[in-house]
């Protein structure tokens, strides 16, 4: 998650006038897609963790 954020933040969402490196539109699309995929993965993991916690609370997974 951190790598995706760092790469996308620095190359797409921040403008540094002294930075001579620029990215093409297609590169920015790929970075944005990576950010979206990472966010979706995190949301899924949080949902899964919440469900597991609830099942444990009710002794359903404690076998």
C-alpha atoms as a PDB file:
ATOM      1  CA  UNK A   1       0.000   0.000   0.000  1.00  0.00           C
ATOM      2  CA  UNK A   2       2.767   2.410   0.942  1.00  0.00           C
ATOM      3  CA  UNK A   3       4.683   1.856  -2.313  1.00  0.00           C
ATOM      4  CA  UNK A   4       1.582   2.522  -4.409  1.00  0.00           C
ATOM      5  CA  UNK A   5       0.797   5.682  -2.465  1.00  0.00           C
ATOM      6  CA  UNK A   6       4.349   6.999  -2.571  1.00  0.00           C
ATOM      7  CA  UNK A   7       4.751   6.379  -6.291  1.00  0.00           C
ATOM      8  CA  UNK A   8       1.373   7.842  -7.223  1.00  0.00           C
ATOM      9  CA  UNK A   9       1.543  10.790  -4.880  1.00  0.00           C
ATOM     10  CA  UNK A  10       4.939  11.925  -6.061  1.00  0.00           C
ATOM     11  CA  UNK A  11       4.416  11.419  -9.764  1.00  0.00           C
ATOM     12  CA  UNK A  12       0.757  12.237 -10.345  1.00  0.00           C
ATOM     13  CA  UNK A  13      -0.648  14.398  -7.576  1.00  0.00           C
ATOM     14  CA  UNK A  14       2.257  16.676  -6.706  1.00  0.00           C
ATOM     15  CA  UNK A  15       3.855  19.171  -8.993  1.00  0.00           C
ATOM     16  CA  UNK A  16       7.448  20.140  -8.318  1.00  0.00           C
ATOM     17  CA  UNK A  17       8.666  22.965 -10.593  1.00  0.00           C
ATOM     18  CA  UNK A  18      12.306  21.973 -10.138  1.00  0.00           C
ATOM     19  CA  UNK A  19      11.592  18.353 -11.120  1.00  0.00           C
ATOM     20  CA  UNK A  20      12.536  17.735 -14.739  1.00  0.00           C
ATOM     21  CA  UNK A  21      10.846  14.335 -14.840  1.00  0.00           C
ATOM     22  CA  UNK A  22       7.338  14.314 -16.211  1.00  0.00           C
ATOM     23  CA  UNK A  23       5.083  11.396 -16.946  1.00  0.00           C
ATOM     24  CA  UNK A  24       2.906  10.738 -19.933  1.00  0.00           C
ATOM     25  CA  UNK A  25      -0.852  10.466 -19.757  1.00  0.00           C
ATOM     26  CA  UNK A  26      -0.735   6.667 -20.085  1.00  0.00           C
ATOM     27  CA  UNK A  27       1.748   6.408 -17.186  1.00  0.00           C
ATOM     28  CA  UNK A  28      -0.520   8.518 -15.012  1.00  0.00           C
ATOM     29  CA  UNK A  29      -3.494   6.308 -15.915  1.00  0.00           C
ATOM     30  CA  UNK A  30      -1.547   3.226 -14.850  1.00  0.00           C
ATOM     31  CA  UNK A  31      -0.552   4.857 -11.552  1.00  0.00           C
ATOM     32  CA  UNK A  32      -4.137   5.894 -10.858  1.00  0.00           C
ATOM     33  CA  UNK A  33      -5.379   2.375 -11.656  1.00  0.00           C
ATOM     34  CA  UNK A  34      -2.780   0.986  -9.221  1.00  0.00           C
ATOM     35  CA  UNK A  35      -4.014   3.373  -6.525  1.00  0.00           C
ATOM     36  CA  UNK A  36      -7.643   2.327  -7.101  1.00  0.00           C
ATOM     37  CA  UNK A  37      -6.768  -1.396  -7.055  1.00  0.00           C
ATOM     38  CA  UNK A  38      -4.797  -0.945  -3.840  1.00  0.00           C
ATOM     39  CA  UNK A  39      -7.685   0.927  -2.207  1.00  0.00           C
ATOM     40  CA  UNK A  40     -10.142  -1.805  -3.243  1.00  0.00           C
ATOM     41  CA  UNK A  41      -7.843  -4.489  -1.813  1.00  0.00           C
ATOM     42  CA  UNK A  42      -7.567  -2.644   1.502  1.00  0.00           C
ATOM     43  CA  UNK A  43     -11.348  -2.255   1.742  1.00  0.00           C
ATOM     44  CA  UNK A  44     -11.827  -5.987   1.067  1.00  0.00           C
ATOM     45  CA  UNK A  45      -9.294  -6.920   3.729  1.00  0.00           C
ATOM     46  CA  UNK A  46     -10.917  -4.620   6.258  1.00  0.00           C
ATOM     47  CA  UNK A  47     -14.339  -6.141   5.513  1.00  0.00           C
ATOM     48  CA  UNK A  48     -12.924  -9.663   5.846  1.00  0.00           C
ATOM     49  CA  UNK A  49     -11.233  -8.787   9.128  1.00  0.00           C
ATOM     50  CA  UNK A  50     -14.453  -7.275  10.485  1.00  0.00           C
ATOM     51  CA  UNK A  51     -16.433 -10.402   9.569  1.00  0.00           C
ATOM     52  CA  UNK A  52     -13.812 -12.651  11.165  1.00  0.00           C
ATOM     53  CA  UNK A  53     -13.863 -10.545  14.329  1.00  0.00           C
ATOM     54  CA  UNK A  54     -17.639 -10.784  14.518  1.00  0.00           C
ATOM     55  CA  UNK A  55     -17.588 -14.556  13.998  1.00  0.00           C
ATOM     56  CA  UNK A  56     -14.975 -14.957  16.721  1.00  0.00           C
ATOM     57  CA  UNK A  57     -17.048 -12.835  19.040  1.00  0.00           C
ATOM     58  CA  UNK A  58     -19.912 -15.288  18.625  1.00  0.00           C
ATOM     59  CA  UNK A  59     -17.649 -18.355  18.922  1.00  0.00           C
ATOM     60  CA  UNK A  60     -18.340 -19.451  15.372  1.00  0.00           C
ATOM     61  CA  UNK A  61     -14.671 -19.680  14.347  1.00  0.00           C
ATOM     62  CA  UNK A  62     -13.228 -20.895  17.627  1.00  0.00           C
ATOM     63  CA  UNK A  63     -12.996 -24.566  16.653  1.00  0.00           C
END
